[in-house]
Amino acid sequence: MSYVPRKKKLRRHEATDLALYMIDAGFQNSIIQLCTGLSETMIRAYRDGADNAGGTSAGRLKTAARILTNRLRVVHGGLIINAYVRIADNPETCVDIYALTSAYHMYLDIVDDIYRGGIKPITLNEAFVLARDYRCGGGALEVVRCRCGTDYLVVADQRIVAGCPLCSMSGTSGSAPPTDHRHPSTRDDKDRDTLSHFISLLQGAFPAPRSTVRFT
């Protein structure tokens, strides 16, 4: 089941099933309403009756530029999208909610294993914004492949210098120079471990993404 720009609405039972799944997963009400076409009142009623409602019900969605505010979040956003485009059905034309949830939990497992709760991860609702902007095309969110082989995200109105985060962490030449001049730190090592570990898992578990990436 996917969020797709449609001429006709989901059948009632399809919309209800998707809404209940998204409530349990932790999506906020505005995203559920967008994906299902159900009213805010109906979604609140489903949430009130749910045994294991996850996440928060309300909140304003951030833009992709406000989500990817530093190098670490660019790395982590890229991990989610790299996983998502490998398992989603037609990610360039729709947001596959089930694939996005699976990719997000894969991301959380890796991050928890490496950071042990030491960082604040990207949220599921933020992951939806990234997947939605990836679907929109037109430069809203692009996957760029560095000469080092790393795929990373570039978004419209990005607030940090666009460039390969792995090269930035390593101080090596890639698609862009390092964004700072700090000496490598334990956090840098963990960031590199997260990226390399996640990519190796993806390559072992899934075929290469069907989507086209822009090369630098």
N, C-alpha and C. Protein backbone atom coordinates (compact mmCIF):
# COMPACT_ATOMS: atom_id res chain seq x y z
N MET A 1 0.85 -1.19 0.00
CA MET A 1 0.00 0.00 0.00
C MET A 1 0.88 1.24 0.00
N SER A 2 0.57 2.20 -0.85
CA SER A 2 1.43 3.36 -1.00
C SER A 2 0.60 4.63 -0.97
N TYR A 3 1.30 5.72 -0.67
CA TYR A 3 0.70 7.03 -0.88
C TYR A 3 0.99 7.42 -2.32
N VAL A 4 -0.04 7.55 -3.12
CA VAL A 4 0.13 7.88 -4.53
C VAL A 4 -0.80 9.04 -4.87
N PRO A 5 -0.37 10.02 -5.66
CA PRO A 5 -1.33 11.01 -6.16
C PRO A 5 -2.41 10.30 -6.97
N ARG A 6 -3.64 10.33 -6.49
CA ARG A 6 -4.71 9.52 -7.09
C ARG A 6 -5.84 10.39 -7.61
N LYS A 7 -6.52 9.87 -8.62
CA LYS A 7 -7.76 10.49 -9.08
C LYS A 7 -8.93 10.00 -8.25
N LYS A 8 -8.81 8.81 -7.68
CA LYS A 8 -9.89 8.29 -6.85
C LYS A 8 -9.32 7.89 -5.49
N LYS A 9 -10.16 7.92 -4.50
CA LYS A 9 -9.73 7.64 -3.14
C LYS A 9 -9.56 6.14 -2.91
N LEU A 10 -8.84 5.82 -1.86
CA LEU A 10 -8.77 4.44 -1.42
C LEU A 10 -10.16 3.96 -1.01
N ARG A 11 -10.39 2.66 -1.15
CA ARG A 11 -11.61 2.11 -0.57
C ARG A 11 -11.55 2.29 0.94
N ARG A 12 -12.71 2.35 1.54
CA ARG A 12 -12.78 2.66 2.98
C ARG A 12 -11.96 1.67 3.80
N HIS A 13 -12.08 0.37 3.50
CA HIS A 13 -11.36 -0.61 4.30
C HIS A 13 -9.85 -0.51 4.06
N GLU A 14 -9.45 -0.15 2.83
CA GLU A 14 -8.02 0.04 2.55
C GLU A 14 -7.47 1.23 3.32
N ALA A 15 -8.23 2.33 3.32
CA ALA A 15 -7.80 3.52 4.04
C ALA A 15 -7.72 3.25 5.54
N THR A 16 -8.69 2.51 6.06
CA THR A 16 -8.70 2.19 7.49
C THR A 16 -7.51 1.31 7.86
N ASP A 17 -7.26 0.29 7.06
CA ASP A 17 -6.13 -0.61 7.34
C ASP A 17 -4.81 0.15 7.31
N LEU A 18 -4.65 1.03 6.32
CA LEU A 18 -3.42 1.80 6.22
C LEU A 18 -3.28 2.77 7.38
N ALA A 19 -4.38 3.41 7.77
CA ALA A 19 -4.35 4.35 8.89
C ALA A 19 -3.95 3.64 10.19
N LEU A 20 -4.51 2.48 10.44
CA LEU A 20 -4.19 1.74 11.66
C LEU A 20 -2.72 1.30 11.65
N TYR A 21 -2.24 0.87 10.50
CA TYR A 21 -0.82 0.49 10.38
C TYR A 21 0.07 1.69 10.67
N MET A 22 -0.27 2.85 10.11
CA MET A 22 0.56 4.04 10.29
C MET A 22 0.51 4.58 11.70
N ILE A 23 -0.64 4.46 12.34
CA ILE A 23 -0.75 4.86 13.76
C ILE A 23 0.16 4.01 14.61
N ASP A 24 0.11 2.71 14.39
CA ASP A 24 0.94 1.78 15.16
C ASP A 24 2.43 2.02 14.89
N ALA A 25 2.77 2.36 13.64
CA ALA A 25 4.17 2.58 13.29
C ALA A 25 4.72 3.86 13.90
N GLY A 26 3.86 4.88 14.09
CA GLY A 26 4.31 6.11 14.70
C GLY A 26 4.22 7.34 13.82
N PHE A 27 3.51 7.25 12.68
CA PHE A 27 3.33 8.43 11.83
C PHE A 27 2.36 9.41 12.51
N GLN A 28 2.58 10.70 12.26
CA GLN A 28 1.68 11.69 12.83
C GLN A 28 0.42 11.84 11.97
N ASN A 29 -0.59 12.45 12.56
CA ASN A 29 -1.92 12.48 11.93
C ASN A 29 -1.92 13.15 10.57
N SER A 30 -1.17 14.25 10.40
CA SER A 30 -1.21 14.96 9.12
C SER A 30 -0.69 14.09 7.98
N ILE A 31 0.30 13.26 8.25
CA ILE A 31 0.82 12.35 7.22
C ILE A 31 -0.19 11.25 6.93
N ILE A 32 -0.82 10.72 7.98
CA ILE A 32 -1.83 9.68 7.79
C ILE A 32 -3.00 10.21 6.97
N GLN A 33 -3.41 11.43 7.26
CA GLN A 33 -4.50 12.05 6.51
C GLN A 33 -4.11 12.21 5.04
N LEU A 34 -2.89 12.63 4.79
CA LEU A 34 -2.40 12.81 3.42
C LEU A 34 -2.39 11.49 2.66
N CYS A 35 -2.00 10.42 3.34
CA CYS A 35 -1.86 9.12 2.69
C CYS A 35 -3.17 8.38 2.51
N THR A 36 -4.11 8.60 3.40
CA THR A 36 -5.35 7.81 3.39
C THR A 36 -6.57 8.57 2.89
N GLY A 37 -6.55 9.90 3.01
CA GLY A 37 -7.72 10.68 2.66
C GLY A 37 -8.78 10.71 3.75
N LEU A 38 -8.50 10.07 4.89
CA LEU A 38 -9.46 10.08 5.99
C LEU A 38 -9.43 11.43 6.70
N SER A 39 -10.52 11.76 7.38
CA SER A 39 -10.60 13.03 8.09
C SER A 39 -9.75 13.00 9.35
N GLU A 40 -9.35 14.18 9.81
CA GLU A 40 -8.60 14.29 11.05
C GLU A 40 -9.39 13.71 12.23
N THR A 41 -10.70 13.95 12.24
CA THR A 41 -11.54 13.43 13.32
C THR A 41 -11.53 11.91 13.35
N MET A 42 -11.63 11.30 12.17
CA MET A 42 -11.64 9.84 12.11
C MET A 42 -10.28 9.26 12.53
N ILE A 43 -9.20 9.90 12.12
CA ILE A 43 -7.87 9.41 12.48
C ILE A 43 -7.66 9.53 13.99
N ARG A 44 -8.11 10.63 14.57
CA ARG A 44 -7.99 10.77 16.04
C ARG A 44 -8.78 9.68 16.76
N ALA A 45 -9.95 9.35 16.21
CA ALA A 45 -10.76 8.30 16.83
C ALA A 45 -10.05 6.95 16.74
N TYR A 46 -9.45 6.66 15.59
CA TYR A 46 -8.69 5.41 15.45
C TYR A 46 -7.50 5.40 16.41
N ARG A 47 -6.84 6.54 16.55
CA ARG A 47 -5.68 6.61 17.45
C ARG A 47 -6.11 6.40 18.90
N ASP A 48 -7.22 7.01 19.28
CA ASP A 48 -7.70 6.85 20.66
C ASP A 48 -8.04 5.41 20.97
N GLY A 49 -8.49 4.66 19.95
CA GLY A 49 -8.88 3.27 20.17
C GLY A 49 -7.76 2.27 19.97
N ALA A 50 -6.60 2.75 19.53
CA ALA A 50 -5.48 1.85 19.26
C ALA A 50 -4.79 1.43 20.55
N ASP A 51 -4.41 0.16 20.62
CA ASP A 51 -3.74 -0.34 21.82
C ASP A 51 -2.28 0.09 21.88
N ASN A 52 -1.64 0.20 20.71
CA ASN A 52 -0.21 0.48 20.70
C ASN A 52 0.12 1.65 19.77
N ALA A 53 -0.61 2.76 19.96
CA ALA A 53 -0.35 3.91 19.10
C ALA A 53 1.06 4.42 19.35
N GLY A 54 1.82 4.58 18.28
CA GLY A 54 3.20 5.03 18.42
C GLY A 54 3.35 6.48 18.01
N GLY A 55 4.43 7.10 18.45
CA GLY A 55 4.76 8.45 18.03
C GLY A 55 3.82 9.50 18.58
N THR A 56 3.87 10.69 17.97
CA THR A 56 3.02 11.80 18.38
C THR A 56 1.96 12.02 17.33
N SER A 57 0.80 12.49 17.77
CA SER A 57 -0.31 12.63 16.84
C SER A 57 -0.24 13.91 16.02
N ALA A 58 0.40 14.94 16.55
CA ALA A 58 0.39 16.24 15.88
C ALA A 58 1.80 16.78 15.75
N GLY A 59 1.91 17.84 14.98
CA GLY A 59 3.19 18.48 14.78
C GLY A 59 3.35 18.94 13.34
N ARG A 60 4.06 20.02 13.17
CA ARG A 60 4.27 20.57 11.83
C ARG A 60 5.43 19.85 11.17
N LEU A 61 5.25 19.45 9.91
CA LEU A 61 6.31 18.76 9.19
C LEU A 61 7.43 19.73 8.84
N LYS A 62 8.66 19.28 9.04
CA LYS A 62 9.82 20.07 8.67
C LYS A 62 10.07 19.94 7.17
N THR A 63 10.79 20.89 6.61
CA THR A 63 11.29 20.73 5.25
C THR A 63 12.53 19.85 5.28
N ALA A 64 12.90 19.31 4.13
CA ALA A 64 14.10 18.48 4.07
C ALA A 64 15.34 19.26 4.49
N ALA A 65 15.39 20.54 4.11
CA ALA A 65 16.55 21.36 4.47
C ALA A 65 16.66 21.54 5.98
N ARG A 66 15.54 21.56 6.68
CA ARG A 66 15.56 21.69 8.15
C ARG A 66 15.80 20.35 8.84
N ILE A 67 15.67 19.26 8.11
CA ILE A 67 15.98 17.95 8.66
C ILE A 67 17.47 17.66 8.54
N LEU A 68 18.03 17.95 7.38
CA LEU A 68 19.44 17.65 7.10
C LEU A 68 20.29 18.87 7.44
N THR A 69 20.40 19.17 8.72
CA THR A 69 21.02 20.41 9.17
C THR A 69 22.51 20.29 9.46
N ASN A 70 23.04 19.08 9.48
CA ASN A 70 24.47 18.92 9.71
C ASN A 70 24.95 17.66 8.99
N ARG A 71 26.25 17.47 9.01
CA ARG A 71 26.86 16.36 8.25
C ARG A 71 26.33 15.01 8.71
N LEU A 72 26.16 14.83 10.01
CA LEU A 72 25.70 13.55 10.53
C LEU A 72 24.30 13.23 10.01
N ARG A 73 23.42 14.23 10.00
CA ARG A 73 22.06 13.99 9.55
C ARG A 73 21.98 13.79 8.04
N VAL A 74 22.92 14.37 7.30
CA VAL A 74 23.01 14.07 5.87
C VAL A 74 23.37 12.60 5.67
N VAL A 75 24.33 12.11 6.48
CA VAL A 75 24.70 10.69 6.41
C VAL A 75 23.50 9.82 6.73
N HIS A 76 22.80 10.13 7.81
CA HIS A 76 21.71 9.27 8.25
C HIS A 76 20.51 9.34 7.32
N GLY A 77 20.22 10.54 6.79
CA GLY A 77 19.15 10.64 5.81
C GLY A 77 19.47 9.82 4.57
N GLY A 78 20.74 9.82 4.17
CA GLY A 78 21.15 9.03 3.02
C GLY A 78 21.01 7.54 3.27
N LEU A 79 21.28 7.11 4.50
CA LEU A 79 21.12 5.69 4.83
C LEU A 79 19.67 5.26 4.66
N ILE A 80 18.75 6.07 5.16
CA ILE A 80 17.34 5.73 5.07
C ILE A 80 16.89 5.66 3.61
N ILE A 81 17.24 6.68 2.82
CA ILE A 81 16.80 6.72 1.43
C ILE A 81 17.47 5.61 0.62
N ASN A 82 18.75 5.33 0.89
CA ASN A 82 19.41 4.24 0.17
C ASN A 82 18.72 2.90 0.42
N ALA A 83 18.31 2.66 1.67
CA ALA A 83 17.58 1.43 1.97
C ALA A 83 16.20 1.46 1.33
N TYR A 84 15.54 2.59 1.44
CA TYR A 84 14.17 2.72 0.95
C TYR A 84 14.06 2.47 -0.55
N VAL A 85 14.96 3.08 -1.36
CA VAL A 85 14.82 2.94 -2.81
C VAL A 85 15.14 1.53 -3.28
N ARG A 86 15.83 0.76 -2.43
CA ARG A 86 16.12 -0.62 -2.80
C ARG A 86 14.92 -1.55 -2.62
N ILE A 87 14.03 -1.21 -1.70
CA ILE A 87 12.95 -2.14 -1.39
C ILE A 87 11.57 -1.60 -1.75
N ALA A 88 11.47 -0.33 -2.13
CA ALA A 88 10.16 0.28 -2.41
C ALA A 88 9.71 -0.05 -3.82
N ASP A 89 8.40 -0.08 -4.00
CA ASP A 89 7.82 -0.18 -5.34
C ASP A 89 7.66 1.23 -5.90
N ASN A 90 8.36 1.50 -7.00
CA ASN A 90 8.24 2.77 -7.71
C ASN A 90 8.45 3.99 -6.80
N PRO A 91 9.60 4.10 -6.13
CA PRO A 91 9.82 5.22 -5.21
C PRO A 91 9.87 6.57 -5.91
N GLU A 92 10.07 6.59 -7.24
CA GLU A 92 10.08 7.85 -7.96
C GLU A 92 8.68 8.39 -8.23
N THR A 93 7.66 7.56 -8.05
CA THR A 93 6.30 7.99 -8.36
C THR A 93 5.36 7.94 -7.16
N CYS A 94 5.77 7.30 -6.08
CA CYS A 94 4.90 7.21 -4.91
C CYS A 94 5.75 7.03 -3.65
N VAL A 95 5.13 7.21 -2.51
CA VAL A 95 5.77 6.88 -1.24
C VAL A 95 5.21 5.56 -0.77
N ASP A 96 6.04 4.55 -0.74
CA ASP A 96 5.65 3.21 -0.30
C ASP A 96 5.79 3.16 1.22
N ILE A 97 4.67 3.25 1.92
CA ILE A 97 4.68 3.37 3.37
C ILE A 97 5.29 2.14 4.04
N TYR A 98 4.96 0.96 3.56
CA TYR A 98 5.49 -0.24 4.18
C TYR A 98 7.00 -0.35 3.98
N ALA A 99 7.47 -0.03 2.77
CA ALA A 99 8.91 -0.06 2.51
C ALA A 99 9.63 1.00 3.33
N LEU A 100 9.04 2.17 3.45
CA LEU A 100 9.66 3.24 4.23
C LEU A 100 9.79 2.84 5.69
N THR A 101 8.76 2.23 6.23
CA THR A 101 8.81 1.79 7.63
C THR A 101 9.88 0.73 7.82
N SER A 102 9.98 -0.22 6.89
CA SER A 102 11.01 -1.26 6.99
C SER A 102 12.41 -0.66 6.91
N ALA A 103 12.61 0.27 5.96
CA ALA A 103 13.92 0.92 5.81
C ALA A 103 14.26 1.70 7.06
N TYR A 104 13.27 2.36 7.64
CA TYR A 104 13.51 3.17 8.84
C TYR A 104 13.92 2.30 10.02
N HIS A 105 13.27 1.17 10.20
CA HIS A 105 13.64 0.31 11.33
C HIS A 105 15.00 -0.35 11.11
N MET A 106 15.35 -0.61 9.86
CA MET A 106 16.69 -1.09 9.57
C MET A 106 17.73 -0.04 9.99
N TYR A 107 17.44 1.21 9.65
CA TYR A 107 18.30 2.32 10.03
C TYR A 107 18.43 2.42 11.55
N LEU A 108 17.31 2.35 12.26
CA LEU A 108 17.35 2.45 13.72
C LEU A 108 18.18 1.34 14.35
N ASP A 109 18.06 0.13 13.82
CA ASP A 109 18.82 -1.00 14.36
C ASP A 109 20.33 -0.75 14.24
N ILE A 110 20.75 -0.26 13.08
CA ILE A 110 22.17 0.00 12.86
C ILE A 110 22.66 1.14 13.75
N VAL A 111 21.89 2.21 13.82
CA VAL A 111 22.28 3.37 14.62
C VAL A 111 22.37 3.00 16.11
N ASP A 112 21.40 2.23 16.58
CA ASP A 112 21.42 1.82 17.99
C ASP A 112 22.61 0.92 18.29
N ASP A 113 22.94 0.05 17.34
CA ASP A 113 24.05 -0.87 17.53
C ASP A 113 25.38 -0.13 17.63
N ILE A 114 25.53 0.95 16.87
CA ILE A 114 26.81 1.67 16.83
C ILE A 114 26.87 2.79 17.87
N TYR A 115 25.80 3.55 18.03
CA TYR A 115 25.84 4.72 18.92
C TYR A 115 25.34 4.44 20.33
N ARG A 116 24.62 3.33 20.51
CA ARG A 116 24.12 2.96 21.84
C ARG A 116 23.35 4.10 22.49
N GLY A 117 22.45 4.71 21.71
CA GLY A 117 21.61 5.76 22.27
C GLY A 117 22.30 7.10 22.43
N GLY A 118 23.48 7.25 21.85
CA GLY A 118 24.25 8.48 22.05
C GLY A 118 23.88 9.62 21.14
N ILE A 119 22.96 9.41 20.21
CA ILE A 119 22.53 10.48 19.32
C ILE A 119 21.00 10.48 19.21
N LYS A 120 20.47 11.57 18.69
CA LYS A 120 19.05 11.65 18.40
C LYS A 120 18.85 11.31 16.93
N PRO A 121 18.24 10.17 16.62
CA PRO A 121 18.12 9.77 15.21
C PRO A 121 17.08 10.59 14.47
N ILE A 122 17.13 10.50 13.17
CA ILE A 122 16.06 11.05 12.34
C ILE A 122 14.76 10.33 12.69
N THR A 123 13.65 11.04 12.75
CA THR A 123 12.38 10.44 13.12
C THR A 123 11.69 9.82 11.91
N LEU A 124 10.70 9.01 12.16
CA LEU A 124 9.94 8.39 11.08
C LEU A 124 9.22 9.44 10.25
N ASN A 125 8.68 10.46 10.91
CA ASN A 125 7.98 11.51 10.18
C ASN A 125 8.95 12.31 9.31
N GLU A 126 10.17 12.52 9.80
CA GLU A 126 11.18 13.18 8.98
C GLU A 126 11.57 12.30 7.80
N ALA A 127 11.65 10.99 8.03
CA ALA A 127 11.95 10.05 6.94
C ALA A 127 10.88 10.13 5.85
N PHE A 128 9.63 10.31 6.24
CA PHE A 128 8.56 10.45 5.25
C PHE A 128 8.79 11.68 4.39
N VAL A 129 9.20 12.78 4.99
CA VAL A 129 9.46 14.01 4.22
C VAL A 129 10.55 13.76 3.19
N LEU A 130 11.61 13.05 3.58
CA LEU A 130 12.70 12.75 2.64
C LEU A 130 12.21 11.87 1.49
N ALA A 131 11.41 10.85 1.81
CA ALA A 131 10.88 9.96 0.77
C ALA A 131 9.90 10.72 -0.14
N ARG A 132 9.10 11.58 0.43
CA ARG A 132 8.16 12.39 -0.36
C ARG A 132 8.91 13.31 -1.32
N ASP A 133 9.96 13.98 -0.81
CA ASP A 133 10.72 14.90 -1.66
C ASP A 133 11.52 14.14 -2.72
N TYR A 134 11.95 12.94 -2.39
CA TYR A 134 12.61 12.10 -3.40
C TYR A 134 11.63 11.79 -4.52
N ARG A 135 10.39 11.49 -4.16
CA ARG A 135 9.37 11.20 -5.17
C ARG A 135 9.07 12.42 -6.03
N CYS A 136 9.09 13.60 -5.44
CA CYS A 136 8.69 14.81 -6.16
C CYS A 136 9.62 15.12 -7.32
N GLY A 137 10.91 14.78 -7.20
CA GLY A 137 11.86 15.09 -8.25
C GLY A 137 12.05 16.59 -8.39
N GLY A 138 12.54 17.01 -9.52
CA GLY A 138 12.70 18.43 -9.77
C GLY A 138 13.75 19.10 -8.90
N GLY A 139 14.65 18.30 -8.33
CA GLY A 139 15.71 18.87 -7.51
C GLY A 139 15.34 19.08 -6.06
N ALA A 140 14.10 18.71 -5.66
CA ALA A 140 13.72 18.86 -4.25
C ALA A 140 14.64 18.05 -3.36
N LEU A 141 14.96 16.84 -3.78
CA LEU A 141 15.92 15.98 -3.07
C LEU A 141 16.56 15.06 -4.10
N GLU A 142 17.88 15.06 -4.14
CA GLU A 142 18.60 14.23 -5.10
C GLU A 142 19.56 13.31 -4.37
N VAL A 143 19.74 12.13 -4.93
CA VAL A 143 20.79 11.21 -4.48
C VAL A 143 21.98 11.41 -5.41
N VAL A 144 23.11 11.77 -4.82
CA VAL A 144 24.32 12.05 -5.60
C VAL A 144 25.38 11.01 -5.25
N ARG A 145 26.06 10.51 -6.27
CA ARG A 145 27.12 9.52 -6.05
C ARG A 145 28.49 10.18 -6.17
N CYS A 146 29.24 10.13 -5.10
CA CYS A 146 30.58 10.69 -5.07
C CYS A 146 31.55 9.76 -5.82
N ARG A 147 32.72 10.30 -6.17
CA ARG A 147 33.74 9.48 -6.82
C ARG A 147 34.24 8.37 -5.90
N CYS A 148 34.05 8.53 -4.59
CA CYS A 148 34.47 7.48 -3.66
C CYS A 148 33.47 6.33 -3.61
N GLY A 149 32.31 6.48 -4.27
CA GLY A 149 31.30 5.44 -4.31
C GLY A 149 30.16 5.62 -3.33
N THR A 150 30.23 6.66 -2.49
CA THR A 150 29.18 6.91 -1.49
C THR A 150 28.02 7.67 -2.11
N ASP A 151 26.79 7.22 -1.84
CA ASP A 151 25.59 7.95 -2.24
C ASP A 151 25.17 8.84 -1.08
N TYR A 152 24.93 10.12 -1.37
CA TYR A 152 24.51 11.04 -0.31
C TYR A 152 23.41 11.94 -0.84
N LEU A 153 22.75 12.67 0.06
CA LEU A 153 21.60 13.49 -0.30
C LEU A 153 21.97 14.95 -0.46
N VAL A 154 21.34 15.59 -1.43
CA VAL A 154 21.40 17.04 -1.60
C VAL A 154 19.96 17.51 -1.73
N VAL A 155 19.59 18.52 -0.95
CA VAL A 155 18.22 19.01 -0.96
C VAL A 155 18.19 20.48 -1.35
N ALA A 156 17.03 20.92 -1.84
CA ALA A 156 16.85 22.32 -2.17
C ALA A 156 17.00 23.18 -0.92
N ASP A 157 17.65 24.32 -1.07
CA ASP A 157 17.85 25.26 0.05
C ASP A 157 18.64 24.63 1.19
N GLN A 158 19.55 23.74 0.87
CA GLN A 158 20.35 23.08 1.91
C GLN A 158 21.17 24.11 2.68
N ARG A 159 21.25 23.94 4.01
CA ARG A 159 21.89 24.94 4.86
C ARG A 159 23.35 24.66 5.13
N ILE A 160 23.84 23.51 4.69
CA ILE A 160 25.25 23.19 4.87
C ILE A 160 25.87 22.98 3.50
N VAL A 161 27.20 22.99 3.45
CA VAL A 161 27.90 22.82 2.19
C VAL A 161 27.58 21.44 1.62
N ALA A 162 27.14 21.41 0.36
CA ALA A 162 26.83 20.14 -0.28
C ALA A 162 28.13 19.41 -0.62
N GLY A 163 28.18 18.16 -0.30
CA GLY A 163 29.36 17.37 -0.59
C GLY A 163 29.27 16.02 0.09
N CYS A 164 30.16 15.13 -0.27
CA CYS A 164 30.15 13.78 0.27
C CYS A 164 30.51 13.81 1.75
N PRO A 165 29.64 13.35 2.64
CA PRO A 165 29.95 13.39 4.06
C PRO A 165 31.07 12.44 4.45
N LEU A 166 31.20 11.32 3.72
CA LEU A 166 32.26 10.38 4.05
C LEU A 166 33.63 10.97 3.73
N CYS A 167 33.74 11.63 2.57
CA CYS A 167 34.99 12.30 2.23
C CYS A 167 35.28 13.42 3.23
N SER A 168 34.22 14.11 3.65
CA SER A 168 34.39 15.19 4.62
C SER A 168 34.93 14.66 5.94
N MET A 169 34.41 13.51 6.37
CA MET A 169 34.87 12.91 7.62
C MET A 169 36.29 12.38 7.50
N SER A 170 36.66 11.94 6.29
CA SER A 170 37.97 11.33 6.10
C SER A 170 39.04 12.35 5.77
N GLY A 171 38.60 13.54 5.31
CA GLY A 171 39.57 14.53 4.88
C GLY A 171 40.17 14.20 3.54
N THR A 172 39.50 13.33 2.74
CA THR A 172 40.02 12.94 1.43
C THR A 172 39.32 13.73 0.35
N SER A 173 39.86 13.68 -0.83
CA SER A 173 39.24 14.40 -1.95
C SER A 173 38.11 13.56 -2.51
N GLY A 174 36.98 14.19 -2.71
CA GLY A 174 35.81 13.52 -3.28
C GLY A 174 35.05 14.53 -4.10
N SER A 175 33.75 14.63 -3.83
CA SER A 175 32.95 15.57 -4.59
C SER A 175 33.04 16.97 -4.05
N ALA A 176 33.54 17.14 -2.82
CA ALA A 176 33.63 18.46 -2.22
C ALA A 176 34.69 18.41 -1.14
N PRO A 177 35.30 19.56 -0.80
CA PRO A 177 36.30 19.57 0.26
C PRO A 177 35.65 19.38 1.61
N PRO A 178 36.44 19.04 2.64
CA PRO A 178 35.88 18.90 3.98
C PRO A 178 35.19 20.18 4.40
N THR A 179 34.09 20.05 5.15
CA THR A 179 33.35 21.21 5.58
C THR A 179 33.93 21.81 6.86
N ASP A 180 34.89 21.16 7.49
CA ASP A 180 35.56 21.73 8.64
C ASP A 180 36.98 21.19 8.68
N HIS A 181 37.77 21.68 9.64
CA HIS A 181 39.17 21.30 9.71
C HIS A 181 39.51 20.63 11.03
N ARG A 182 38.53 19.98 11.63
CA ARG A 182 38.78 19.31 12.90
C ARG A 182 39.59 18.04 12.66
N HIS A 183 40.32 17.63 13.68
CA HIS A 183 40.98 16.34 13.61
C HIS A 183 39.93 15.25 13.77
N PRO A 184 40.16 14.08 13.18
CA PRO A 184 39.19 12.98 13.34
C PRO A 184 38.93 12.69 14.81
N SER A 185 37.69 12.41 15.13
CA SER A 185 37.29 12.16 16.52
C SER A 185 36.61 10.81 16.62
N THR A 186 36.30 10.43 17.86
CA THR A 186 35.56 9.19 18.07
C THR A 186 34.22 9.24 17.36
N ARG A 187 33.55 10.40 17.39
CA ARG A 187 32.28 10.54 16.69
C ARG A 187 32.47 10.35 15.20
N ASP A 188 33.55 10.92 14.64
CA ASP A 188 33.82 10.71 13.21
C ASP A 188 33.97 9.23 12.91
N ASP A 189 34.69 8.51 13.78
CA ASP A 189 34.87 7.07 13.57
C ASP A 189 33.54 6.35 13.59
N LYS A 190 32.67 6.73 14.52
CA LYS A 190 31.36 6.10 14.60
C LYS A 190 30.51 6.43 13.38
N ASP A 191 30.61 7.68 12.90
CA ASP A 191 29.87 8.05 11.70
C ASP A 191 30.32 7.22 10.52
N ARG A 192 31.64 7.06 10.37
CA ARG A 192 32.16 6.26 9.26
C ARG A 192 31.75 4.80 9.41
N ASP A 193 31.79 4.28 10.65
CA ASP A 193 31.38 2.91 10.89
C ASP A 193 29.91 2.71 10.53
N THR A 194 29.07 3.68 10.92
CA THR A 194 27.65 3.59 10.62
C THR A 194 27.43 3.50 9.12
N LEU A 195 28.07 4.39 8.39
CA LEU A 195 27.90 4.44 6.95
C LEU A 195 28.39 3.17 6.27
N SER A 196 29.60 2.75 6.59
CA SER A 196 30.17 1.57 5.92
C SER A 196 29.43 0.29 6.30
N HIS A 197 29.02 0.17 7.58
CA HIS A 197 28.29 -1.01 8.03
C HIS A 197 26.93 -1.09 7.34
N PHE A 198 26.24 0.02 7.27
CA PHE A 198 24.91 0.05 6.68
C PHE A 198 24.98 -0.27 5.20
N ILE A 199 25.93 0.34 4.50
CA ILE A 199 26.05 0.12 3.07
C ILE A 199 26.38 -1.34 2.77
N SER A 200 27.26 -1.94 3.57
CA SER A 200 27.60 -3.35 3.34
C SER A 200 26.40 -4.25 3.55
N LEU A 201 25.58 -3.94 4.55
CA LEU A 201 24.37 -4.72 4.77
C LEU A 201 23.40 -4.58 3.60
N LEU A 202 23.24 -3.35 3.12
CA LEU A 202 22.34 -3.12 2.00
C LEU A 202 22.80 -3.89 0.76
N GLN A 203 24.09 -3.81 0.48
CA GLN A 203 24.60 -4.47 -0.71
C GLN A 203 24.46 -5.98 -0.61
N GLY A 204 24.54 -6.52 0.61
CA GLY A 204 24.38 -7.95 0.78
C GLY A 204 22.94 -8.41 0.73
N ALA A 205 22.03 -7.54 1.18
CA ALA A 205 20.62 -7.96 1.30
C ALA A 205 19.77 -7.59 0.10
N PHE A 206 20.12 -6.51 -0.60
CA PHE A 206 19.26 -5.99 -1.66
C PHE A 206 20.07 -5.71 -2.92
N PRO A 207 19.41 -5.76 -4.08
CA PRO A 207 20.10 -5.36 -5.31
C PRO A 207 20.34 -3.86 -5.32
N ALA A 208 21.13 -3.41 -6.27
CA ALA A 208 21.38 -1.97 -6.40
C ALA A 208 20.07 -1.25 -6.65
N PRO A 209 19.93 0.00 -6.18
CA PRO A 209 18.68 0.73 -6.38
C PRO A 209 18.36 0.90 -7.85
N ARG A 210 17.05 0.82 -8.14
CA ARG A 210 16.62 0.96 -9.53
C ARG A 210 16.65 2.42 -9.97
N SER A 211 16.67 3.33 -9.02
CA SER A 211 16.60 4.75 -9.35
C SER A 211 17.92 5.26 -9.90
N THR A 212 17.82 6.34 -10.64
CA THR A 212 19.01 6.95 -11.22
C THR A 212 19.60 7.94 -10.24
N VAL A 213 20.92 7.91 -10.06
CA VAL A 213 21.59 8.86 -9.20
C VAL A 213 22.42 9.80 -10.08
N ARG A 214 22.67 10.98 -9.56
CA ARG A 214 23.51 11.95 -10.27
C ARG A 214 24.94 11.74 -9.81
N PHE A 215 25.87 11.66 -10.74
CA PHE A 215 27.27 11.43 -10.42
C PHE A 215 28.02 12.74 -10.36
N THR A 216 29.05 12.80 -9.48
CA THR A 216 29.90 13.98 -9.41
C THR A 216 31.32 13.59 -9.76
